[in-house]
Amino acid sequence: TEKNAAYEACEKMKQKNKEICSAATVAKYIINKCMIDGHPVGQITLQNLLYLCQRQHLQNCGKPLFYEDFLVAGFGPSVPSVYYTYCGYGGAMITSAYPEVEILFSEETAECIDVIVEKYRDCKPWEFKCFVRRNGGAWENTLRSKGLQQVIPMDEISTDGKI
């Protein structure tokens, strides 16, 4: 029947779009996971975790986790839309909860994010220098060649050092 065909079409769209998300959605997932696990993160750590998740997803799956660009900020890579959403927290831990984002990712994508978050969420902001702002990395190369507030090329992120 038409109703069944429409239902099936909607289900296929949901599955197809499961892997398409925004940096804001990934940020909410990270914040939520960290809160549930008892390891809340601050703004700078969140930005670095987003970068590491994007890099790992590019390397594992050959495609971006999200399509927003990272800009070179003084503290490291930054997705402006996420930065401006959480900048009001200053140096404090982000304590929001977003349980609805749990269902948005495939098991493979959630696992990719979870591994990175669990490994790096307890790093202090300055410790990300070794993983994100290191010499020869995408952030540092873009800073040197183009300056602050410039886009870090996605292809450079994808070839940045293995984690």
N, C-alpha and C. Protein backbone atom coordinates (compact mmCIF):
# COMPACT_ATOMS: atom_id res chain seq x y z
N THR A 1 0.83 -1.19 0.00
CA THR A 1 0.00 0.00 0.00
C THR A 1 0.88 1.26 0.00
N GLU A 2 0.23 2.37 -0.28
CA GLU A 2 0.96 3.65 -0.29
C GLU A 2 1.53 3.98 1.08
N LYS A 3 0.77 3.68 2.12
CA LYS A 3 1.21 3.98 3.49
C LYS A 3 2.49 3.20 3.82
N ASN A 4 2.53 1.93 3.45
CA ASN A 4 3.72 1.11 3.70
C ASN A 4 4.92 1.61 2.90
N ALA A 5 4.71 1.98 1.65
CA ALA A 5 5.79 2.49 0.81
C ALA A 5 6.35 3.79 1.39
N ALA A 6 5.45 4.66 1.86
CA ALA A 6 5.89 5.92 2.46
C ALA A 6 6.68 5.65 3.74
N TYR A 7 6.21 4.70 4.54
CA TYR A 7 6.90 4.35 5.78
C TYR A 7 8.31 3.81 5.47
N GLU A 8 8.40 2.92 4.50
CA GLU A 8 9.69 2.35 4.10
C GLU A 8 10.64 3.43 3.58
N ALA A 9 10.12 4.36 2.80
CA ALA A 9 10.94 5.46 2.28
C ALA A 9 11.47 6.31 3.43
N CYS A 10 10.63 6.58 4.41
CA CYS A 10 11.05 7.37 5.58
C CYS A 10 12.13 6.63 6.36
N GLU A 11 11.97 5.34 6.54
CA GLU A 11 12.96 4.55 7.27
C GLU A 11 14.30 4.55 6.54
N LYS A 12 14.28 4.43 5.22
CA LYS A 12 15.51 4.45 4.43
C LYS A 12 16.20 5.80 4.57
N MET A 13 15.42 6.89 4.55
CA MET A 13 15.99 8.23 4.71
C MET A 13 16.64 8.37 6.08
N LYS A 14 15.98 7.85 7.11
CA LYS A 14 16.54 7.94 8.46
C LYS A 14 17.88 7.22 8.53
N GLN A 15 17.96 6.03 7.94
CA GLN A 15 19.20 5.26 7.95
C GLN A 15 20.30 5.99 7.17
N LYS A 16 19.94 6.52 6.01
CA LYS A 16 20.91 7.22 5.18
C LYS A 16 21.45 8.47 5.89
N ASN A 17 20.56 9.19 6.55
CA ASN A 17 20.95 10.44 7.22
C ASN A 17 21.57 10.22 8.58
N LYS A 18 21.60 8.97 9.04
CA LYS A 18 22.15 8.68 10.35
C LYS A 18 23.61 9.13 10.46
N GLU A 19 24.33 9.08 9.36
CA GLU A 19 25.75 9.44 9.38
C GLU A 19 25.99 10.91 9.04
N ILE A 20 24.95 11.64 8.66
CA ILE A 20 25.12 13.05 8.34
C ILE A 20 24.74 13.84 9.59
N CYS A 21 25.69 14.61 10.09
CA CYS A 21 25.39 15.39 11.28
C CYS A 21 26.18 16.68 11.25
N SER A 22 25.93 17.49 12.21
CA SER A 22 26.63 18.76 12.33
C SER A 22 27.66 18.67 13.44
N ALA A 23 28.59 19.60 13.45
CA ALA A 23 29.57 19.67 14.53
C ALA A 23 28.85 19.88 15.86
N ALA A 24 27.75 20.63 15.83
CA ALA A 24 26.97 20.87 17.06
C ALA A 24 26.42 19.56 17.62
N THR A 25 25.98 18.66 16.75
CA THR A 25 25.45 17.37 17.19
C THR A 25 26.56 16.53 17.81
N VAL A 26 27.73 16.51 17.17
CA VAL A 26 28.85 15.75 17.71
C VAL A 26 29.26 16.35 19.06
N ALA A 27 29.29 17.68 19.15
CA ALA A 27 29.64 18.34 20.41
C ALA A 27 28.66 17.95 21.51
N LYS A 28 27.38 17.94 21.20
CA LYS A 28 26.38 17.54 22.20
C LYS A 28 26.59 16.10 22.64
N TYR A 29 26.90 15.24 21.69
CA TYR A 29 27.16 13.84 22.01
C TYR A 29 28.36 13.73 22.97
N ILE A 30 29.43 14.45 22.65
CA ILE A 30 30.63 14.43 23.49
C ILE A 30 30.31 14.96 24.89
N ILE A 31 29.64 16.09 24.95
CA ILE A 31 29.29 16.69 26.25
C ILE A 31 28.43 15.72 27.06
N ASN A 32 27.44 15.14 26.41
CA ASN A 32 26.54 14.21 27.10
C ASN A 32 27.31 13.00 27.62
N LYS A 33 28.14 12.42 26.77
CA LYS A 33 28.93 11.25 27.18
C LYS A 33 29.81 11.60 28.38
N CYS A 34 30.47 12.74 28.31
CA CYS A 34 31.35 13.14 29.40
C CYS A 34 30.59 13.37 30.69
N MET A 35 29.43 13.97 30.61
CA MET A 35 28.60 14.19 31.81
C MET A 35 28.14 12.85 32.40
N ILE A 36 27.64 11.96 31.56
CA ILE A 36 27.16 10.65 32.03
C ILE A 36 28.30 9.86 32.68
N ASP A 37 29.48 9.94 32.09
CA ASP A 37 30.64 9.21 32.61
C ASP A 37 31.31 9.89 33.80
N GLY A 38 30.84 11.08 34.16
CA GLY A 38 31.42 11.80 35.30
C GLY A 38 32.72 12.50 34.99
N HIS A 39 32.92 12.86 33.71
CA HIS A 39 34.14 13.56 33.28
C HIS A 39 33.76 14.78 32.45
N PRO A 40 33.08 15.78 33.04
CA PRO A 40 32.69 16.95 32.23
C PRO A 40 33.92 17.64 31.64
N VAL A 41 33.71 18.27 30.48
CA VAL A 41 34.81 18.95 29.78
C VAL A 41 34.51 20.43 29.65
N GLY A 42 35.57 21.18 29.44
CA GLY A 42 35.46 22.61 29.18
C GLY A 42 35.48 22.88 27.68
N GLN A 43 35.33 24.15 27.34
CA GLN A 43 35.24 24.59 25.95
C GLN A 43 36.46 24.21 25.11
N ILE A 44 37.66 24.46 25.61
CA ILE A 44 38.86 24.18 24.82
C ILE A 44 39.05 22.68 24.64
N THR A 45 38.80 21.92 25.68
CA THR A 45 38.90 20.46 25.56
C THR A 45 37.87 19.96 24.56
N LEU A 46 36.66 20.50 24.60
CA LEU A 46 35.63 20.11 23.64
C LEU A 46 36.09 20.36 22.21
N GLN A 47 36.67 21.52 21.93
CA GLN A 47 37.14 21.82 20.58
C GLN A 47 38.23 20.83 20.14
N ASN A 48 39.14 20.52 21.05
CA ASN A 48 40.19 19.57 20.72
C ASN A 48 39.65 18.17 20.51
N LEU A 49 38.67 17.77 21.30
CA LEU A 49 38.04 16.46 21.11
C LEU A 49 37.31 16.39 19.76
N LEU A 50 36.64 17.48 19.39
CA LEU A 50 35.99 17.53 18.08
C LEU A 50 37.01 17.33 16.97
N TYR A 51 38.14 18.00 17.09
CA TYR A 51 39.20 17.88 16.08
C TYR A 51 39.71 16.43 16.01
N LEU A 52 40.00 15.85 17.15
CA LEU A 52 40.52 14.48 17.17
C LEU A 52 39.50 13.48 16.63
N CYS A 53 38.22 13.69 16.95
CA CYS A 53 37.16 12.82 16.42
C CYS A 53 37.05 12.96 14.91
N GLN A 54 37.08 14.19 14.42
CA GLN A 54 37.02 14.42 12.98
C GLN A 54 38.20 13.75 12.29
N ARG A 55 39.38 13.95 12.83
CA ARG A 55 40.59 13.37 12.24
C ARG A 55 40.50 11.84 12.22
N GLN A 56 40.08 11.26 13.33
CA GLN A 56 40.00 9.80 13.40
C GLN A 56 38.95 9.26 12.44
N HIS A 57 37.82 9.95 12.33
CA HIS A 57 36.76 9.50 11.42
C HIS A 57 37.22 9.60 9.97
N LEU A 58 37.92 10.66 9.64
CA LEU A 58 38.47 10.80 8.29
C LEU A 58 39.45 9.66 7.99
N GLN A 59 40.27 9.32 8.96
CA GLN A 59 41.26 8.28 8.75
C GLN A 59 40.63 6.88 8.73
N ASN A 60 39.64 6.65 9.58
CA ASN A 60 38.99 5.32 9.65
C ASN A 60 38.03 5.08 8.51
N CYS A 61 37.22 6.09 8.20
CA CYS A 61 36.10 5.91 7.27
C CYS A 61 36.30 6.59 5.92
N GLY A 62 37.31 7.43 5.82
CA GLY A 62 37.56 8.12 4.57
C GLY A 62 36.57 9.23 4.25
N LYS A 63 35.80 9.64 5.26
CA LYS A 63 34.85 10.74 5.06
C LYS A 63 34.72 11.52 6.37
N PRO A 64 34.30 12.78 6.27
CA PRO A 64 34.17 13.60 7.48
C PRO A 64 33.04 13.11 8.39
N LEU A 65 33.20 13.36 9.64
CA LEU A 65 32.15 13.13 10.63
C LEU A 65 31.12 14.24 10.53
N PHE A 66 31.59 15.46 10.22
CA PHE A 66 30.74 16.64 10.00
C PHE A 66 31.46 17.52 8.99
N TYR A 67 30.74 18.47 8.40
CA TYR A 67 31.30 19.26 7.31
C TYR A 67 31.71 20.68 7.67
N GLU A 68 31.43 21.12 8.87
CA GLU A 68 31.88 22.46 9.26
C GLU A 68 33.40 22.50 9.30
N ASP A 69 33.94 23.65 8.97
CA ASP A 69 35.39 23.82 8.97
C ASP A 69 35.92 24.15 10.35
N PHE A 70 37.16 23.74 10.59
CA PHE A 70 37.91 24.18 11.75
C PHE A 70 38.70 25.40 11.33
N LEU A 71 38.74 26.40 12.21
CA LEU A 71 39.58 27.57 12.00
C LEU A 71 40.76 27.49 12.95
N VAL A 72 41.85 28.16 12.60
CA VAL A 72 43.00 28.24 13.47
C VAL A 72 42.71 29.32 14.53
N ALA A 73 42.54 28.88 15.77
CA ALA A 73 42.38 29.80 16.89
C ALA A 73 43.67 29.74 17.71
N GLY A 74 43.88 30.72 18.55
CA GLY A 74 45.10 30.76 19.35
C GLY A 74 45.27 29.55 20.25
N PHE A 75 44.16 28.98 20.73
CA PHE A 75 44.22 27.83 21.63
C PHE A 75 44.21 26.50 20.89
N GLY A 76 44.02 26.52 19.57
CA GLY A 76 43.96 25.29 18.78
C GLY A 76 42.88 25.39 17.74
N PRO A 77 42.49 24.26 17.15
CA PRO A 77 41.43 24.28 16.13
C PRO A 77 40.09 24.58 16.78
N SER A 78 39.25 25.28 16.04
CA SER A 78 37.95 25.69 16.59
C SER A 78 36.88 25.67 15.50
N VAL A 79 35.74 25.09 15.83
CA VAL A 79 34.56 25.19 14.97
C VAL A 79 33.76 26.37 15.53
N PRO A 80 33.70 27.49 14.78
CA PRO A 80 33.09 28.70 15.33
C PRO A 80 31.68 28.52 15.89
N SER A 81 30.83 27.78 15.20
CA SER A 81 29.44 27.62 15.69
C SER A 81 29.41 26.95 17.06
N VAL A 82 30.29 25.99 17.27
CA VAL A 82 30.36 25.30 18.57
C VAL A 82 31.00 26.23 19.60
N TYR A 83 32.03 26.92 19.21
CA TYR A 83 32.69 27.85 20.12
C TYR A 83 31.68 28.87 20.67
N TYR A 84 30.93 29.50 19.77
CA TYR A 84 30.00 30.54 20.22
C TYR A 84 28.83 29.98 21.02
N THR A 85 28.50 28.73 20.82
CA THR A 85 27.45 28.11 21.63
C THR A 85 27.88 27.96 23.08
N TYR A 86 29.14 27.61 23.32
CA TYR A 86 29.60 27.28 24.66
C TYR A 86 30.59 28.27 25.26
N CYS A 87 30.89 29.37 24.59
CA CYS A 87 31.88 30.30 25.11
C CYS A 87 31.44 30.95 26.42
N GLY A 88 30.16 30.98 26.68
CA GLY A 88 29.65 31.54 27.93
C GLY A 88 30.11 30.78 29.16
N TYR A 89 30.55 29.55 28.98
CA TYR A 89 31.05 28.77 30.10
C TYR A 89 32.44 29.22 30.53
N GLY A 90 33.12 29.99 29.68
CA GLY A 90 34.48 30.42 30.02
C GLY A 90 35.36 29.21 30.24
N GLY A 91 36.05 29.18 31.35
CA GLY A 91 36.92 28.05 31.68
C GLY A 91 36.23 26.97 32.48
N ALA A 92 34.93 27.16 32.75
CA ALA A 92 34.18 26.18 33.56
C ALA A 92 33.81 24.95 32.73
N MET A 93 33.46 23.89 33.43
CA MET A 93 33.02 22.67 32.77
C MET A 93 31.62 22.88 32.17
N ILE A 94 31.38 22.28 31.02
CA ILE A 94 30.07 22.37 30.36
C ILE A 94 29.17 21.32 31.01
N THR A 95 28.05 21.76 31.54
CA THR A 95 27.20 20.86 32.32
C THR A 95 25.84 20.60 31.68
N SER A 96 25.71 20.88 30.41
CA SER A 96 24.45 20.62 29.71
C SER A 96 24.28 19.11 29.51
N ALA A 97 23.05 18.70 29.26
CA ALA A 97 22.78 17.28 28.96
C ALA A 97 21.92 17.20 27.70
N TYR A 98 22.26 16.28 26.82
CA TYR A 98 21.58 16.11 25.55
C TYR A 98 21.32 14.63 25.27
N PRO A 99 20.45 13.98 26.03
CA PRO A 99 20.24 12.54 25.83
C PRO A 99 19.69 12.17 24.47
N GLU A 100 19.05 13.09 23.77
CA GLU A 100 18.45 12.79 22.46
C GLU A 100 19.49 12.51 21.38
N VAL A 101 20.74 12.90 21.57
CA VAL A 101 21.74 12.68 20.54
C VAL A 101 22.28 11.26 20.53
N GLU A 102 21.97 10.48 21.53
CA GLU A 102 22.47 9.10 21.62
C GLU A 102 22.07 8.26 20.42
N ILE A 103 20.90 8.50 19.87
CA ILE A 103 20.39 7.63 18.80
C ILE A 103 20.78 8.09 17.40
N LEU A 104 21.52 9.15 17.28
CA LEU A 104 21.79 9.73 15.97
C LEU A 104 22.95 9.06 15.22
N PHE A 105 23.76 8.30 15.89
CA PHE A 105 24.95 7.75 15.26
C PHE A 105 24.86 6.24 15.09
N SER A 106 25.51 5.75 14.05
CA SER A 106 25.63 4.30 13.89
C SER A 106 26.54 3.80 15.02
N GLU A 107 26.53 2.52 15.24
CA GLU A 107 27.38 1.93 16.28
C GLU A 107 28.86 2.20 15.98
N GLU A 108 29.23 2.10 14.71
CA GLU A 108 30.62 2.33 14.29
C GLU A 108 31.06 3.77 14.58
N THR A 109 30.19 4.73 14.24
CA THR A 109 30.52 6.14 14.47
C THR A 109 30.59 6.45 15.95
N ALA A 110 29.61 5.97 16.70
CA ALA A 110 29.61 6.19 18.16
C ALA A 110 30.87 5.61 18.78
N GLU A 111 31.28 4.43 18.33
CA GLU A 111 32.48 3.80 18.87
C GLU A 111 33.73 4.62 18.54
N CYS A 112 33.81 5.15 17.34
CA CYS A 112 34.93 6.01 16.93
C CYS A 112 35.02 7.23 17.85
N ILE A 113 33.89 7.87 18.09
CA ILE A 113 33.85 9.05 18.97
C ILE A 113 34.20 8.65 20.40
N ASP A 114 33.58 7.57 20.88
CA ASP A 114 33.78 7.14 22.27
C ASP A 114 35.24 6.85 22.59
N VAL A 115 35.92 6.17 21.66
CA VAL A 115 37.33 5.82 21.89
C VAL A 115 38.17 7.09 22.07
N ILE A 116 37.98 8.05 21.21
CA ILE A 116 38.73 9.31 21.30
C ILE A 116 38.38 10.06 22.58
N VAL A 117 37.10 10.19 22.86
CA VAL A 117 36.66 10.94 24.04
C VAL A 117 37.20 10.31 25.31
N GLU A 118 37.08 9.00 25.43
CA GLU A 118 37.56 8.32 26.64
C GLU A 118 39.08 8.43 26.80
N LYS A 119 39.79 8.46 25.69
CA LYS A 119 41.24 8.53 25.74
C LYS A 119 41.75 9.93 26.11
N TYR A 120 41.06 10.98 25.63
CA TYR A 120 41.61 12.33 25.74
C TYR A 120 40.80 13.31 26.60
N ARG A 121 39.65 12.94 27.10
CA ARG A 121 38.81 13.92 27.80
C ARG A 121 39.42 14.47 29.09
N ASP A 122 40.31 13.72 29.70
CA ASP A 122 40.91 14.19 30.95
C ASP A 122 42.20 14.98 30.75
N CYS A 123 42.58 15.19 29.49
CA CYS A 123 43.76 16.02 29.21
C CYS A 123 43.47 17.46 29.57
N LYS A 124 44.47 18.13 30.06
CA LYS A 124 44.37 19.57 30.32
C LYS A 124 44.49 20.28 28.97
N PRO A 125 43.90 21.46 28.83
CA PRO A 125 43.95 22.15 27.54
C PRO A 125 45.36 22.27 26.95
N TRP A 126 46.36 22.54 27.78
CA TRP A 126 47.72 22.70 27.28
C TRP A 126 48.35 21.37 26.84
N GLU A 127 47.81 20.26 27.31
CA GLU A 127 48.36 18.95 26.93
C GLU A 127 48.01 18.56 25.49
N PHE A 128 47.03 19.22 24.90
CA PHE A 128 46.66 18.91 23.52
C PHE A 128 47.72 19.36 22.53
N LYS A 129 48.70 20.12 22.99
CA LYS A 129 49.79 20.53 22.10
C LYS A 129 50.44 19.32 21.44
N CYS A 130 50.57 18.23 22.16
CA CYS A 130 51.21 17.01 21.64
C CYS A 130 50.36 16.32 20.56
N PHE A 131 49.04 16.45 20.64
CA PHE A 131 48.15 15.70 19.76
C PHE A 131 47.56 16.55 18.63
N VAL A 132 47.39 17.84 18.89
CA VAL A 132 46.64 18.70 17.97
C VAL A 132 47.47 19.86 17.45
N ARG A 133 48.20 20.51 18.33
CA ARG A 133 48.95 21.72 17.95
C ARG A 133 50.43 21.44 17.77
N ARG A 134 50.76 20.23 17.43
CA ARG A 134 52.16 19.82 17.34
C ARG A 134 52.83 20.37 16.08
N ASN A 135 54.14 20.44 16.12
CA ASN A 135 54.91 20.87 14.95
C ASN A 135 54.66 19.92 13.79
N GLY A 136 54.41 20.50 12.62
CA GLY A 136 54.17 19.70 11.42
C GLY A 136 52.75 19.23 11.26
N GLY A 137 51.89 19.53 12.22
CA GLY A 137 50.48 19.13 12.14
C GLY A 137 49.66 20.12 11.34
N ALA A 138 48.43 19.76 11.05
CA ALA A 138 47.56 20.59 10.21
C ALA A 138 47.31 21.96 10.83
N TRP A 139 47.06 22.02 12.14
CA TRP A 139 46.80 23.31 12.80
C TRP A 139 48.04 24.21 12.68
N GLU A 140 49.20 23.66 13.03
CA GLU A 140 50.43 24.44 13.02
C GLU A 140 50.81 24.87 11.61
N ASN A 141 50.67 23.98 10.63
CA ASN A 141 50.99 24.33 9.25
C ASN A 141 50.10 25.45 8.73
N THR A 142 48.81 25.39 9.06
CA THR A 142 47.88 26.43 8.62
C THR A 142 48.17 27.74 9.31
N LEU A 143 48.48 27.70 10.59
CA LEU A 143 48.84 28.91 11.33
C LEU A 143 50.06 29.58 10.69
N ARG A 144 51.08 28.81 10.39
CA ARG A 144 52.32 29.37 9.82
C ARG A 144 52.11 29.90 8.40
N SER A 145 51.31 29.18 7.59
CA SER A 145 51.17 29.59 6.19
C SER A 145 50.07 30.64 5.96
N LYS A 146 49.03 30.63 6.78
CA LYS A 146 47.90 31.52 6.53
C LYS A 146 47.56 32.45 7.70
N GLY A 147 47.88 32.04 8.92
CA GLY A 147 47.60 32.88 10.09
C GLY A 147 46.35 32.44 10.84
N LEU A 148 46.05 33.23 11.87
CA LEU A 148 44.89 32.94 12.72
C LEU A 148 43.57 33.12 11.97
N GLN A 149 42.56 32.42 12.44
CA GLN A 149 41.18 32.48 11.92
C GLN A 149 41.07 32.04 10.47
N GLN A 150 42.00 31.21 10.02
CA GLN A 150 41.94 30.66 8.67
C GLN A 150 41.50 29.21 8.74
N VAL A 151 40.89 28.72 7.66
CA VAL A 151 40.38 27.35 7.60
C VAL A 151 41.53 26.36 7.53
N ILE A 152 41.44 25.34 8.38
CA ILE A 152 42.38 24.22 8.32
C ILE A 152 41.83 23.26 7.26
N PRO A 153 42.57 23.03 6.17
CA PRO A 153 42.03 22.18 5.09
C PRO A 153 41.72 20.76 5.57
N MET A 154 40.56 20.26 5.15
CA MET A 154 40.09 18.93 5.54
C MET A 154 41.10 17.86 5.14
N ASP A 155 41.71 18.00 3.96
CA ASP A 155 42.68 16.98 3.53
C ASP A 155 43.92 16.97 4.41
N GLU A 156 44.27 18.12 4.97
CA GLU A 156 45.40 18.14 5.90
C GLU A 156 45.03 17.52 7.24
N ILE A 157 43.79 17.72 7.66
CA ILE A 157 43.32 17.08 8.89
C ILE A 157 43.36 15.56 8.72
N SER A 158 42.92 15.09 7.55
CA SER A 158 42.85 13.65 7.33
C SER A 158 44.22 12.99 7.28
N THR A 159 45.25 13.75 6.96
CA THR A 159 46.59 13.16 6.92
C THR A 159 47.43 13.54 8.12
N ASP A 160 46.83 14.26 9.07
CA ASP A 160 47.53 14.63 10.29
C ASP A 160 47.93 13.34 11.02
N GLY A 161 48.91 13.41 11.91
CA GLY A 161 49.46 12.24 12.58
C GLY A 161 48.44 11.23 13.08
N LYS A 162 48.78 9.98 12.99
CA LYS A 162 47.90 8.91 13.47
C LYS A 162 47.82 9.00 14.99
N ILE A 163 46.66 8.66 15.51
CA ILE A 163 46.45 8.69 16.96
C ILE A 163 46.85 7.35 17.55
